[in-house]
Structures are given as C-alpha cells and as structure tokens.
C-alpha atoms as a PDB file:
ATOM      1  CA  MET A   1     -27.723 -22.935  35.469  1.00  0.00           C
ATOM      2  CA  GLN A   2     -24.902 -23.043  33.525  1.00  0.00           C
ATOM      3  CA  LEU A   3     -23.223 -19.485  33.028  1.00  0.00           C
ATOM      4  CA  ASN A   4     -24.254 -17.956  29.705  1.00  0.00           C
ATOM      5  CA  SER A   5     -23.787 -14.943  27.487  1.00  0.00           C
ATOM      6  CA  ARG A   6     -27.127 -13.403  28.386  1.00  0.00           C
ATOM      7  CA  LEU A   7     -26.599 -13.578  31.899  1.00  0.00           C
ATOM      8  CA  LEU A   8     -23.892 -11.464  32.010  1.00  0.00           C
ATOM      9  CA  GLU A   9     -25.346  -9.052  29.776  1.00  0.00           C
ATOM     10  CA  CYS A  10     -27.400  -8.367  32.041  1.00  0.00           C
ATOM     11  CA  PHE A  11     -24.976  -8.451  34.336  1.00  0.00           C
ATOM     12  CA  HIS A  12     -22.752  -5.186  32.773  1.00  0.00           C
ATOM     13  CA  ALA A  13     -25.802  -3.342  31.207  1.00  0.00           C
ATOM     14  CA  THR A  14     -27.224  -2.852  35.194  1.00  0.00           C
ATOM     15  CA  MET A  15     -23.499  -1.885  36.921  1.00  0.00           C
ATOM     16  CA  THR A  16     -23.405   0.005  33.857  1.00  0.00           C
ATOM     17  CA  VAL A  17     -26.473   1.960  34.691  1.00  0.00           C
ATOM     18  CA  GLY A  18     -27.160   1.762  38.296  1.00  0.00           C
ATOM     19  CA  THR A  19     -30.508  -0.004  38.407  1.00  0.00           C
ATOM     20  CA  VAL A  20     -32.443  -3.120  37.140  1.00  0.00           C
ATOM     21  CA  THR A  21     -35.064  -0.726  35.463  1.00  0.00           C
ATOM     22  CA  GLY A  22     -32.820   0.567  33.833  1.00  0.00           C
ATOM     23  CA  ALA A  23     -30.570  -2.087  33.284  1.00  0.00           C
ATOM     24  CA  ALA A  24     -34.102  -3.209  31.338  1.00  0.00           C
ATOM     25  CA  GLU A  25     -34.524  -0.717  29.165  1.00  0.00           C
ATOM     26  CA  LEU A  26     -30.989  -0.325  28.146  1.00  0.00           C
ATOM     27  CA  LEU A  27     -31.530  -4.025  26.759  1.00  0.00           C
ATOM     28  CA  ASN A  28     -35.194  -3.856  26.006  1.00  0.00           C
ATOM     29  CA  SER A  29     -35.592  -6.240  27.948  1.00  0.00           C
ATOM     30  CA  SER A  30     -38.859  -6.502  31.130  1.00  0.00           C
ATOM     31  CA  GLN A  31     -37.408  -6.167  35.044  1.00  0.00           C
ATOM     32  CA  PRO A  32     -38.520  -9.265  36.042  1.00  0.00           C
ATOM     33  CA  ALA A  33     -36.708 -10.763  33.507  1.00  0.00           C
ATOM     34  CA  VAL A  34     -33.476  -8.803  34.376  1.00  0.00           C
ATOM     35  CA  SER A  35     -34.078 -10.132  38.129  1.00  0.00           C
ATOM     36  CA  ARG A  36     -34.347 -13.326  37.079  1.00  0.00           C
ATOM     37  CA  SER A  37     -31.069 -13.481  35.283  1.00  0.00           C
ATOM     38  CA  LEU A  38     -29.337 -11.735  38.141  1.00  0.00           C
ATOM     39  CA  LYS A  39     -30.289 -14.737  40.233  1.00  0.00           C
ATOM     40  CA  GLN A  40     -29.153 -16.728  37.832  1.00  0.00           C
ATOM     41  CA  LEU A  41     -25.683 -15.541  37.217  1.00  0.00           C
ATOM     42  CA  GLU A  42     -25.553 -15.509  41.677  1.00  0.00           C
ATOM     43  CA  ASP A  43     -26.829 -19.127  40.921  1.00  0.00           C
ATOM     44  CA  ALA A  44     -24.075 -20.701  38.181  1.00  0.00           C
ATOM     45  CA  ILE A  45     -20.922 -19.044  40.003  1.00  0.00           C
ATOM     46  CA  ARG A  46     -21.953 -19.431  43.446  1.00  0.00           C
ATOM     47  CA  MET A  47     -22.167 -16.077  44.836  1.00  0.00           C
ATOM     48  CA  THR A  48     -23.879 -13.385  46.248  1.00  0.00           C
ATOM     49  CA  LEU A  49     -23.741  -9.958  43.708  1.00  0.00           C
ATOM     50  CA  PHE A  50     -26.458  -7.499  45.162  1.00  0.00           C
ATOM     51  CA  VAL A  51     -27.816  -7.449  48.174  1.00  0.00           C
ATOM     52  CA  ARG A  52     -31.247  -6.296  47.527  1.00  0.00           C
ATOM     53  CA  THR A  53     -34.010  -4.583  49.408  1.00  0.00           C
ATOM     54  CA  GLY A  54     -37.177  -4.126  48.379  1.00  0.00           C
ATOM     55  CA  ASN A  55     -37.266  -3.181  44.421  1.00  0.00           C
ATOM     56  CA  ARG A  56     -33.914  -2.051  44.850  1.00  0.00           C
ATOM     57  CA  VAL A  57     -30.176  -3.941  44.467  1.00  0.00           C
ATOM     58  CA  THR A  58     -26.682  -2.566  46.052  1.00  0.00           C
ATOM     59  CA  PRO A  59     -24.032  -4.718  44.464  1.00  0.00           C
ATOM     60  CA  THR A  60     -21.400  -6.343  46.699  1.00  0.00           C
ATOM     61  CA  ARG A  61     -17.676  -6.548  46.518  1.00  0.00           C
ATOM     62  CA  GLU A  62     -17.776  -9.022  44.545  1.00  0.00           C
ATOM     63  CA  ALA A  63     -19.766  -7.836  41.834  1.00  0.00           C
ATOM     64  CA  GLN A  64     -17.345  -4.647  41.842  1.00  0.00           C
ATOM     65  CA  LEU A  65     -15.088  -7.156  41.885  1.00  0.00           C
ATOM     66  CA  LEU A  66     -16.704  -9.162  38.612  1.00  0.00           C
ATOM     67  CA  TYR A  67     -17.345  -6.517  36.689  1.00  0.00           C
ATOM     68  CA  GLU A  68     -13.882  -5.063  35.920  1.00  0.00           C
ATOM     69  CA  GLU A  69     -13.574  -8.426  34.017  1.00  0.00           C
ATOM     70  CA  VAL A  70     -16.625  -8.428  32.473  1.00  0.00           C
ATOM     71  CA  ASP A  71     -16.780  -5.039  31.162  1.00  0.00           C
ATOM     72  CA  ARG A  72     -13.176  -5.588  30.067  1.00  0.00           C
ATOM     73  CA  SER A  73     -14.929  -8.788  27.928  1.00  0.00           C
ATOM     74  CA  PHE A  74     -17.442  -6.446  26.841  1.00  0.00           C
ATOM     75  CA  ARG A  75     -14.791  -3.944  25.594  1.00  0.00           C
ATOM     76  CA  GLY A  76     -12.833  -6.271  23.708  1.00  0.00           C
ATOM     77  CA  LEU A  77     -16.112  -7.613  22.635  1.00  0.00           C
ATOM     78  CA  LYS A  78     -16.816  -3.914  20.881  1.00  0.00           C
ATOM     79  CA  ARG A  79     -13.059  -3.941  19.182  1.00  0.00           C
ATOM     80  CA  ILE A  80     -13.766  -7.572  17.872  1.00  0.00           C
ATOM     81  CA  SER A  81     -17.195  -6.294  16.747  1.00  0.00           C
ATOM     82  CA  ARG A  82     -15.226  -2.713  15.554  1.00  0.00           C
ATOM     83  CA  ALA A  83     -12.074  -4.577  13.714  1.00  0.00           C
ATOM     84  CA  ALA A  84     -14.846  -6.491  11.694  1.00  0.00           C
ATOM     85  CA  ASP A  85     -16.160  -3.038  10.659  1.00  0.00           C
ATOM     86  CA  GLU A  86     -13.229  -2.289   9.131  1.00  0.00           C
ATOM     87  CA  ILE A  87     -11.988  -4.869   7.828  1.00  0.00           C
ATOM     88  CA  ARG A  88     -15.491  -5.173   5.719  1.00  0.00           C
ATOM     89  CA  ASN A  89     -14.975  -1.189   4.688  1.00  0.00           C
ATOM     90  CA  LEU A  90     -11.360  -2.140   3.711  1.00  0.00           C
ATOM     91  CA  GLN A  91     -10.421   0.101   6.063  1.00  0.00           C
ATOM     92  CA  GLN A  92      -7.874  -2.249   8.103  1.00  0.00           C
ATOM     93  CA  GLY A  93      -5.476  -4.543   6.917  1.00  0.00           C
ATOM     94  CA  LYS A  94      -1.839  -4.715   5.382  1.00  0.00           C
ATOM     95  CA  ILE A  95      -0.821  -4.790   2.098  1.00  0.00           C
ATOM     96  CA  HIS A  96       2.270  -6.069   1.614  1.00  0.00           C
ATOM     97  CA  ILE A  97       4.180  -5.284  -2.180  1.00  0.00           C
ATOM     98  CA  ALA A  98       7.713  -6.020  -3.852  1.00  0.00           C
ATOM     99  CA  CYS A  99       8.523  -3.883  -6.176  1.00  0.00           C
ATOM    100  CA  ALA A 100      11.011  -2.808  -9.100  1.00  0.00           C
ATOM    101  CA  PRO A 101      13.271   0.781  -7.578  1.00  0.00           C
ATOM    102  CA  ALA A 102      11.803   2.368 -10.257  1.00  0.00           C
ATOM    103  CA  PHE A 103       8.317   2.648  -8.220  1.00  0.00           C
ATOM    104  CA  SER A 104      10.152   2.773  -4.877  1.00  0.00           C
ATOM    105  CA  GLN A 105      10.975   6.287  -4.907  1.00  0.00           C
ATOM    106  CA  GLY A 106       8.095   9.290  -5.623  1.00  0.00           C
ATOM    107  CA  PHE A 107       5.138   6.489  -6.925  1.00  0.00           C
ATOM    108  CA  LEU A 108       4.412   4.672  -4.509  1.00  0.00           C
ATOM    109  CA  VAL A 109       4.576   7.351  -1.759  1.00  0.00           C
ATOM    110  CA  ASP A 110       2.106   8.753  -4.325  1.00  0.00           C
ATOM    111  CA  THR A 111      -0.249   5.795  -4.401  1.00  0.00           C
ATOM    112  CA  VAL A 112      -0.048   4.103  -0.364  1.00  0.00           C
ATOM    113  CA  LYS A 113      -1.199   7.978  -0.375  1.00  0.00           C
ATOM    114  CA  ALA A 114      -3.380   8.647  -2.037  1.00  0.00           C
ATOM    115  CA  PHE A 115      -4.826   4.900  -1.057  1.00  0.00           C
ATOM    116  CA  ARG A 116      -5.043   6.455   2.683  1.00  0.00           C
ATOM    117  CA  LYS A 117      -7.059   9.137   2.271  1.00  0.00           C
ATOM    118  CA  SER A 118      -9.950   7.218   2.369  1.00  0.00           C
ATOM    119  CA  ARG A 119      -8.945   4.302   4.178  1.00  0.00           C
ATOM    120  CA  PRO A 120      -6.498   5.585   7.586  1.00  0.00           C
ATOM    121  CA  GLY A 121      -6.208   2.553   8.930  1.00  0.00           C
ATOM    122  CA  VAL A 122      -4.784   0.139   6.254  1.00  0.00           C
ATOM    123  CA  GLN A 123      -0.802  -0.691   6.333  1.00  0.00           C
ATOM    124  CA  THR A 124       1.525  -1.387   3.810  1.00  0.00           C
ATOM    125  CA  VAL A 125       4.871  -2.833   3.666  1.00  0.00           C
ATOM    126  CA  VAL A 126       7.007  -2.185   0.239  1.00  0.00           C
ATOM    127  CA  THR A 127       9.662  -4.188  -0.932  1.00  0.00           C
ATOM    128  CA  THR A 128      11.899  -3.485  -2.854  1.00  0.00           C
ATOM    129  CA  ARG A 129      13.966  -6.384  -4.872  1.00  0.00           C
ATOM    130  CA  MET A 130      14.824  -7.599  -8.471  1.00  0.00           C
ATOM    131  CA  THR A 131      12.412  -8.947 -10.757  1.00  0.00           C
ATOM    132  CA  PRO A 132      13.391 -11.932 -10.595  1.00  0.00           C
ATOM    133  CA  THR A 133      13.341 -11.811  -6.546  1.00  0.00           C
ATOM    134  CA  ILE A 134       9.715  -9.911  -7.052  1.00  0.00           C
ATOM    135  CA  ALA A 135       8.882 -13.214  -8.942  1.00  0.00           C
ATOM    136  CA  GLU A 136       9.607 -15.904  -6.224  1.00  0.00           C
ATOM    137  CA  LEU A 137       8.422 -13.279  -3.545  1.00  0.00           C
ATOM    138  CA  ALA A 138       4.685 -13.069  -5.731  1.00  0.00           C
ATOM    139  CA  THR A 139       4.408 -17.637  -6.467  1.00  0.00           C
ATOM    140  CA  SER A 140       5.705 -17.953  -3.246  1.00  0.00           C
ATOM    141  CA  GLN A 141       2.496 -15.591  -1.457  1.00  0.00           C
ATOM    142  CA  GLN A 142       5.402 -14.064   0.281  1.00  0.00           C
ATOM    143  CA  CYS A 143       3.794 -10.967  -1.012  1.00  0.00           C
ATOM    144  CA  ASP A 144       0.177 -10.011  -2.155  1.00  0.00           C
ATOM    145  CA  LEU A 145       1.547  -7.992  -5.211  1.00  0.00           C
ATOM    146  CA  GLY A 146       4.632  -7.895  -7.627  1.00  0.00           C
ATOM    147  CA  LEU A 147       6.045  -5.061  -9.652  1.00  0.00           C
ATOM    148  CA  ALA A 148       8.350  -6.317 -11.426  1.00  0.00           C
ATOM    149  CA  ALA A 149       9.935  -3.837 -13.732  1.00  0.00           C
ATOM    150  CA  TYR A 150      10.714  -6.447 -17.304  1.00  0.00           C
ATOM    151  CA  ALA A 151       7.576  -7.714 -19.077  1.00  0.00           C
ATOM    152  CA  ILE A 152       7.569 -12.089 -17.470  1.00  0.00           C
ATOM    153  CA  GLU A 153       4.990 -14.622 -16.998  1.00  0.00           C
ATOM    154  CA  PRO A 154       6.190 -16.537 -13.928  1.00  0.00           C
ATOM    155  CA  GLU A 155       4.706 -19.889 -13.039  1.00  0.00           C
ATOM    156  CA  GLY A 156       1.945 -19.829 -10.629  1.00  0.00           C
ATOM    157  CA  THR A 157       1.087 -16.417 -10.963  1.00  0.00           C
ATOM    158  CA  GLU A 158      -1.719 -14.020 -12.591  1.00  0.00           C
ATOM    159  CA  PHE A 159       0.467 -11.368 -14.560  1.00  0.00           C
ATOM    160  CA  GLU A 160      -0.958  -8.331 -16.679  1.00  0.00           C
ATOM    161  CA  THR A 161       1.164  -5.867 -18.353  1.00  0.00           C
ATOM    162  CA  PHE A 162       1.362  -2.444 -15.667  1.00  0.00           C
ATOM    163  CA  THR A 163       3.243  -0.285 -18.258  1.00  0.00           C
ATOM    164  CA  ASP A 164       4.391   0.337 -21.587  1.00  0.00           C
ATOM    165  CA  SER A 165       5.746   3.713 -22.057  1.00  0.00           C
ATOM    166  CA  PRO A 166       8.875   4.653 -24.010  1.00  0.00           C
ATOM    167  CA  GLU A 167      11.862   5.843 -21.760  1.00  0.00           C
ATOM    168  CA  ILE A 168      12.979   9.406 -22.252  1.00  0.00           C
ATOM    169  CA  CYS A 169      15.700  11.545 -22.749  1.00  0.00           C
ATOM    170  CA  ILE A 170      16.665  14.126 -18.878  1.00  0.00           C
ATOM    171  CA  LEU A 171      18.805  16.762 -18.866  1.00  0.00           C
ATOM    172  CA  PRO A 172      20.216  19.321 -16.867  1.00  0.00           C
ATOM    173  CA  VAL A 173      18.846  22.427 -17.539  1.00  0.00           C
ATOM    174  CA  GLY A 174      20.262  24.882 -19.431  1.00  0.00           C
ATOM    175  CA  HIS A 175      22.646  21.629 -21.267  1.00  0.00           C
ATOM    176  CA  GLN A 176      22.788  22.581 -25.520  1.00  0.00           C
ATOM    177  CA  LEU A 177      20.130  19.844 -26.698  1.00  0.00           C
ATOM    178  CA  CYS A 178      17.306  21.168 -23.987  1.00  0.00           C
ATOM    179  CA  LYS A 179      16.624  22.910 -27.328  1.00  0.00           C
ATOM    180  CA  ASN A 180      15.292  20.239 -28.721  1.00  0.00           C
ATOM    181  CA  SER A 181      11.964  19.295 -28.484  1.00  0.00           C
ATOM    182  CA  VAL A 182      13.283  15.485 -28.919  1.00  0.00           C
ATOM    183  CA  ILE A 183      15.866  13.867 -28.501  1.00  0.00           C
ATOM    184  CA  SER A 184      17.401  11.302 -31.921  1.00  0.00           C
ATOM    185  CA  PRO A 185      19.682   9.074 -30.739  1.00  0.00           C
ATOM    186  CA  GLU A 186      22.500  11.349 -32.795  1.00  0.00           C
ATOM    187  CA  ASP A 187      22.539  14.344 -30.690  1.00  0.00           C
ATOM    188  CA  LEU A 188      23.738  12.207 -28.074  1.00  0.00           C
ATOM    189  CA  HIS A 189      27.058  11.399 -30.002  1.00  0.00           C
ATOM    190  CA  GLY A 190      30.047  12.922 -28.072  1.00  0.00           C
ATOM    191  CA  VAL A 191      27.969  14.473 -25.367  1.00  0.00           C
ATOM    192  CA  ASP A 192      27.882  13.775 -21.475  1.00  0.00           C
ATOM    193  CA  PHE A 193      26.726  10.755 -20.422  1.00  0.00           C
ATOM    194  CA  VAL A 194      25.126   8.985 -17.554  1.00  0.00           C
ATOM    195  CA  SER A 195      24.522   5.489 -18.593  1.00  0.00           C
ATOM    196  CA  LEU A 196      23.274   2.241 -16.247  1.00  0.00           C
ATOM    197  CA  GLY A 197      24.952  -0.716 -15.481  1.00  0.00           C
ATOM    198  CA  GLN A 198      25.945  -3.058 -18.679  1.00  0.00           C
ATOM    199  CA  ILE A 199      23.989  -5.890 -16.991  1.00  0.00           C
ATOM    200  CA  ASP A 200      20.979  -3.979 -17.484  1.00  0.00           C
ATOM    201  CA  PRO A 201      18.486  -5.270 -20.449  1.00  0.00           C
ATOM    202  CA  TYR A 202      17.059  -1.272 -21.187  1.00  0.00           C
ATOM    203  CA  SER A 203      20.671  -0.576 -20.291  1.00  0.00           C
ATOM    204  CA  GLN A 204      21.965  -2.991 -22.708  1.00  0.00           C
ATOM    205  CA  ARG A 205      18.496  -2.362 -25.489  1.00  0.00           C
ATOM    206  CA  LEU A 206      20.044   1.206 -25.568  1.00  0.00           C
ATOM    207  CA  GLN A 207      23.431   0.534 -25.770  1.00  0.00           C
ATOM    208  CA  ARG A 208      23.136  -1.765 -29.179  1.00  0.00           C
ATOM    209  CA  LEU A 209      20.603   0.503 -30.753  1.00  0.00           C
ATOM    210  CA  LEU A 210      23.202   3.085 -30.380  1.00  0.00           C
ATOM    211  CA  GLU A 211      26.089   0.980 -31.992  1.00  0.00           C
ATOM    212  CA  GLU A 212      23.207   0.150 -34.744  1.00  0.00           C
ATOM    213  CA  GLU A 213      23.278   4.094 -35.471  1.00  0.00           C
ATOM    214  CA  ASN A 214      27.194   4.448 -34.833  1.00  0.00           C
ATOM    215  CA  VAL A 215      26.848   7.126 -32.055  1.00  0.00           C
ATOM    216  CA  THR A 216      29.289   7.016 -28.580  1.00  0.00           C
ATOM    217  CA  THR A 217      28.994   8.785 -25.696  1.00  0.00           C
ATOM    218  CA  LEU A 218      30.504  10.491 -23.321  1.00  0.00           C
ATOM    219  CA  ASN A 219      30.128   8.189 -20.647  1.00  0.00           C
ATOM    220  CA  VAL A 220      30.806   9.968 -17.887  1.00  0.00           C
ATOM    221  CA  MET A 221      28.876   7.844 -14.493  1.00  0.00           C
ATOM    222  CA  GLU A 222      27.707   4.205 -15.018  1.00  0.00           C
ATOM    223  CA  VAL A 223      25.206   3.052 -11.383  1.00  0.00           C
ATOM    224  CA  GLN A 224      23.413   0.678 -11.016  1.00  0.00           C
ATOM    225  CA  ASN A 225      19.895   2.051 -11.062  1.00  0.00           C
ATOM    226  CA  SER A 226      17.377   4.976 -12.688  1.00  0.00           C
ATOM    227  CA  LEU A 227      16.601   6.783  -9.699  1.00  0.00           C
ATOM    228  CA  MET A 228      20.653   7.300  -9.059  1.00  0.00           C
ATOM    229  CA  ALA A 229      21.263   8.623 -13.134  1.00  0.00           C
ATOM    230  CA  GLY A 230      18.336  10.992 -12.400  1.00  0.00           C
ATOM    231  CA  GLU A 231      20.319  11.694  -9.044  1.00  0.00           C
ATOM    232  CA  ALA A 232      23.659  12.692 -11.684  1.00  0.00           C
ATOM    233  CA  VAL A 233      21.864  14.495 -14.708  1.00  0.00           C
ATOM    234  CA  ALA A 234      19.734  16.936 -11.331  1.00  0.00           C
ATOM    235  CA  GLU A 235      23.870  17.405 -10.549  1.00  0.00           C
ATOM    236  CA  GLY A 236      24.567  18.362 -13.886  1.00  0.00           C
ATOM    237  CA  LEU A 237      26.467  15.560 -14.495  1.00  0.00           C
ATOM    238  CA  GLY A 238      25.405  14.487 -17.874  1.00  0.00           C
ATOM    239  CA  VAL A 239      21.961  13.490 -19.356  1.00  0.00           C
ATOM    240  CA  THR A 240      20.491   9.782 -19.600  1.00  0.00           C
ATOM    241  CA  ILE A 241      17.599   8.138 -20.886  1.00  0.00           C
ATOM    242  CA  ILE A 242      15.603   6.151 -18.109  1.00  0.00           C
ATOM    243  CA  ASN A 243      12.303   5.807 -16.950  1.00  0.00           C
ATOM    244  CA  PRO A 244       9.583   7.989 -16.950  1.00  0.00           C
ATOM    245  CA  PHE A 245       9.215   6.617 -13.648  1.00  0.00           C
ATOM    246  CA  SER A 246      12.224   7.291 -11.979  1.00  0.00           C
ATOM    247  CA  ALA A 247      12.498  10.749 -14.023  1.00  0.00           C
ATOM    248  CA  LEU A 248       9.038  12.215 -12.104  1.00  0.00           C
ATOM    249  CA  SER A 249      10.685  11.496  -9.137  1.00  0.00           C
ATOM    250  CA  PHE A 250      12.905  14.674 -10.141  1.00  0.00           C
ATOM    251  CA  ARG A 251      10.446  16.998 -11.301  1.00  0.00           C
ATOM    252  CA  HIS A 252      10.548  19.156  -9.061  1.00  0.00           C
ATOM    253  CA  ARG A 253      14.604  19.790  -9.691  1.00  0.00           C
ATOM    254  CA  ALA A 254      16.792  20.935 -12.288  1.00  0.00           C
ATOM    255  CA  ILE A 255      15.547  18.747 -14.911  1.00  0.00           C
ATOM    256  CA  VAL A 256      14.587  19.025 -18.174  1.00  0.00           C
ATOM    257  CA  PHE A 257      11.959  15.857 -19.660  1.00  0.00           C
ATOM    258  CA  ARG A 258      12.442  15.754 -23.592  1.00  0.00           C
ATOM    259  CA  ARG A 259      10.916  12.427 -25.761  1.00  0.00           C
ATOM    260  CA  PHE A 260      13.494  10.092 -27.266  1.00  0.00           C
ATOM    261  CA  SER A 261      12.979  10.309 -31.359  1.00  0.00           C
ATOM    262  CA  VAL A 262      13.020   5.833 -30.840  1.00  0.00           C
ATOM    263  CA  LYS A 263      10.651   4.566 -28.788  1.00  0.00           C
ATOM    264  CA  LEU A 264      11.968   2.102 -25.538  1.00  0.00           C
ATOM    265  CA  PRO A 265       9.222   0.861 -24.101  1.00  0.00           C
ATOM    266  CA  PHE A 266       9.451   0.113 -20.347  1.00  0.00           C
ATOM    267  CA  ALA A 267       7.732  -2.865 -20.181  1.00  0.00           C
ATOM    268  CA  THR A 268       6.488  -3.445 -16.438  1.00  0.00           C
ATOM    269  CA  THR A 269       4.501  -6.496 -14.828  1.00  0.00           C
ATOM    270  CA  LEU A 270       1.703  -6.358 -12.130  1.00  0.00           C
ATOM    271  CA  LEU A 271       1.978  -9.862 -10.302  1.00  0.00           C
ATOM    272  CA  ARG A 272      -0.352 -11.617  -7.988  1.00  0.00           C
ATOM    273  CA  SER A 273       0.087 -15.645  -6.581  1.00  0.00           C
ATOM    274  CA  LYS A 274      -2.527 -17.619  -8.895  1.00  0.00           C
ATOM    275  CA  PHE A 275      -3.262 -19.674  -6.056  1.00  0.00           C
ATOM    276  CA  ARG A 276      -4.100 -16.964  -3.891  1.00  0.00           C
ATOM    277  CA  PRO A 277      -7.346 -15.360  -4.546  1.00  0.00           C
ATOM    278  CA  VAL A 278      -7.583 -11.337  -4.531  1.00  0.00           C
ATOM    279  CA  SER A 279      -9.295  -9.965  -1.485  1.00  0.00           C
ATOM    280  CA  ALA A 280     -11.292  -6.509  -1.910  1.00  0.00           C
ATOM    281  CA  LEU A 281      -8.862  -4.652   0.269  1.00  0.00           C
ATOM    282  CA  ILE A 282      -5.945  -5.736  -2.887  1.00  0.00           C
ATOM    283  CA  GLY A 283      -8.205  -4.761  -5.588  1.00  0.00           C
ATOM    284  CA  GLU A 284      -8.734  -0.966  -4.286  1.00  0.00           C
ATOM    285  CA  PHE A 285      -5.304  -1.237  -4.343  1.00  0.00           C
ATOM    286  CA  GLU A 286      -4.713  -2.099  -7.155  1.00  0.00           C
ATOM    287  CA  LYS A 287      -7.168   0.875  -8.896  1.00  0.00           C
ATOM    288  CA  CYS A 288      -5.507   2.637  -6.703  1.00  0.00           C
ATOM    289  CA  LEU A 289      -1.989   1.977  -8.400  1.00  0.00           C
ATOM    290  CA  ALA A 290      -3.686   2.421 -12.050  1.00  0.00           C
ATOM    291  CA  GLU A 291      -4.788   5.944 -10.769  1.00  0.00           C
ATOM    292  CA  THR A 292      -1.187   6.605 -10.197  1.00  0.00           C
ATOM    293  CA  ARG A 293       0.512   5.471 -12.917  1.00  0.00           C
ATOM    294  CA  ASN A 294      -2.462   7.282 -14.852  1.00  0.00           C
ATOM    295  CA  ARG A 295      -1.947  10.013 -13.268  1.00  0.00           C
ATOM    296  CA  TYR A 296       2.027  10.124 -13.320  1.00  0.00           C
ATOM    297  CA  LEU A 297       1.600   9.482 -17.517  1.00  0.00           C
ATOM    298  CA  ASP A 298       0.149  12.802 -17.969  1.00  0.00           C
ATOM    299  CA  VAL A 299       1.922  15.218 -15.247  1.00  0.00           C
ATOM    300  CA  LEU A 300       4.424  13.383 -18.356  1.00  0.00           C
ATOM    301  CA  GLU A 301       2.460  14.207 -21.567  1.00  0.00           C
ATOM    302  CA  ASP A 302       2.258  17.946 -19.679  1.00  0.00           C
ATOM    303  CA  LEU A 303       6.388  18.033 -19.355  1.00  0.00           C
ATOM    304  CA  LEU A 304       7.413  16.695 -22.548  1.00  0.00           C
ATOM    305  CA  ASN A 305       5.058  19.197 -24.442  1.00  0.00           C
ATOM    306  CA  LYS A 306       6.591  22.570 -22.719  1.00  0.00           C
END
C-alpha cells in the first residue's frame, strides 16, 4: 500500500480527537474504514503506530513523533487554502504603483487608506519617479500601474487620461489677492511668486502665458516640484500656480485656494503594460484611484467656492 493523503487524513483525525470512533465521525466515514486506513498507513511506512486493545487504540511514541510532522503539514495546507480564499476574494496580494510626485503625498496615502479598509491583507508599494521613468517601468512590467504627470501614449502600454483638471492659484492667508475670487494673469504682476524649475513643462507653459500678457512676477524662490512650492506658500513666501492634487495636500495649512482665470489643464495618464492581463485586484485598485480623484476634486470645488 502506497502512502497517500487519505491515510494521513485518517491518522491525523484519530490523533487529534483521540479515538477511531471520533475520527470516523469527524471524517464522515465508518469506524472500520478508519481502522483499515490506520493499518494500511502502518504497512506503508513499516512502523507500528498504535497498540490495539479491543476497540481501543493507544498511540506509540513513533505515532506522536509522526503526528507532529503531519500536523505541521495539515496546518500548512490550511494556510494555503486560506490564502487561496483571500486571493480569490481580493484580500491578499501586492500592488506596485509608480507615480509622479504630485500624487505621492496625500493622494495615494488616502487611496491606499480607503482600499485597505476592506482589504487589509493587500500590500501597496509606491515608487515616486519622473514621467519618462514611469512610462519605462510600466512598459517593462516593473510596476502594475503608472500614474504619469503628463498626457503620454507610450508604446507597449494601455493608457487612459486620469486627470484634466485646471491648475489653481494658492496664496498665503492674509495675502492682498485673497480678496479676489478669481486670479487673473494681470493680478500677478509685481507679486512675490514661487515658481517651478524652468525645465518643468507646466512651468514653461505658465511662463509663456505671462510673457504674452506682459506680466512680470517677482520670483522669490524657484523649486523643483509642486509640493515644495506649496510648502513655500504655506510659509508665506509668495503665491504660486500648481496642480490641484499637490495643492490639496496643504488644505489644512494657512493657504487660500483661488481659481486661475486661464484654464491650464493638469493632464495626467494612468498606464499599465499591454502585455500583462489586469488582475481583479488591480482593477479594484484602479476604481479606488478614480474614487479618490473624484473626492479630491469635490473637496477642491468646495474650497474654490468659499
């Protein structure tokens, strides 16, 4: 008789409950069938596992030692079964998202927090990179999702517009322009301004607009990302125009939100590899990203209407 899982199952049940009768009930089997399986197990491993006295069986020392190993295996199988259930029910797994700095602070933290409410076993890895690297990571399947800061269409990816929301003006509380419900380019003439680096495409777009309107700002500080620009405004260094998602990271600081009269869209792209099927877990995370985006835009609208 070859060793098989049924023989081990009968052995494990007998050792667990202490009697052949109890094992039979546990396995929804008959006492003779369980007894026969125990004898076949002894024959298969060429070892005496029970001392039989009438209808009673007493485990030998060898049986105790074997039970420890079999029990570990059974507990391992239960873990595997539980893991399979969790994976099937989207309760386990890992999500790797590469994102632009604009999404790396409040936005993705809020997204992951909302996602984990119903899926606490899922781990999220966030990698902050610039857009060309995000596209490369998505194309080469080194991340599950990419959230790039511009409208791009990289080869080897599936892509969709994630945001097309206007950039906004943020000002320190008490600034002279706070009295305006909308900030125009002319309003910025001669105003202390926090600018993004000259290589930033959004900064270049704004600079062209100001030049066309013959507006000259007083650039008190040039920074490399919108989060640092928001921090500078919160500290009262000047005003700036940045994307709404970075701006909302400072909504609890001493900052006033205003619409900019010229629509400057913050166009971003959600990317995924064309060569990797979208899992159900990733699909649910994408839904959560969209829900967080919509919630952020609703909050922004309330702030702009104050």
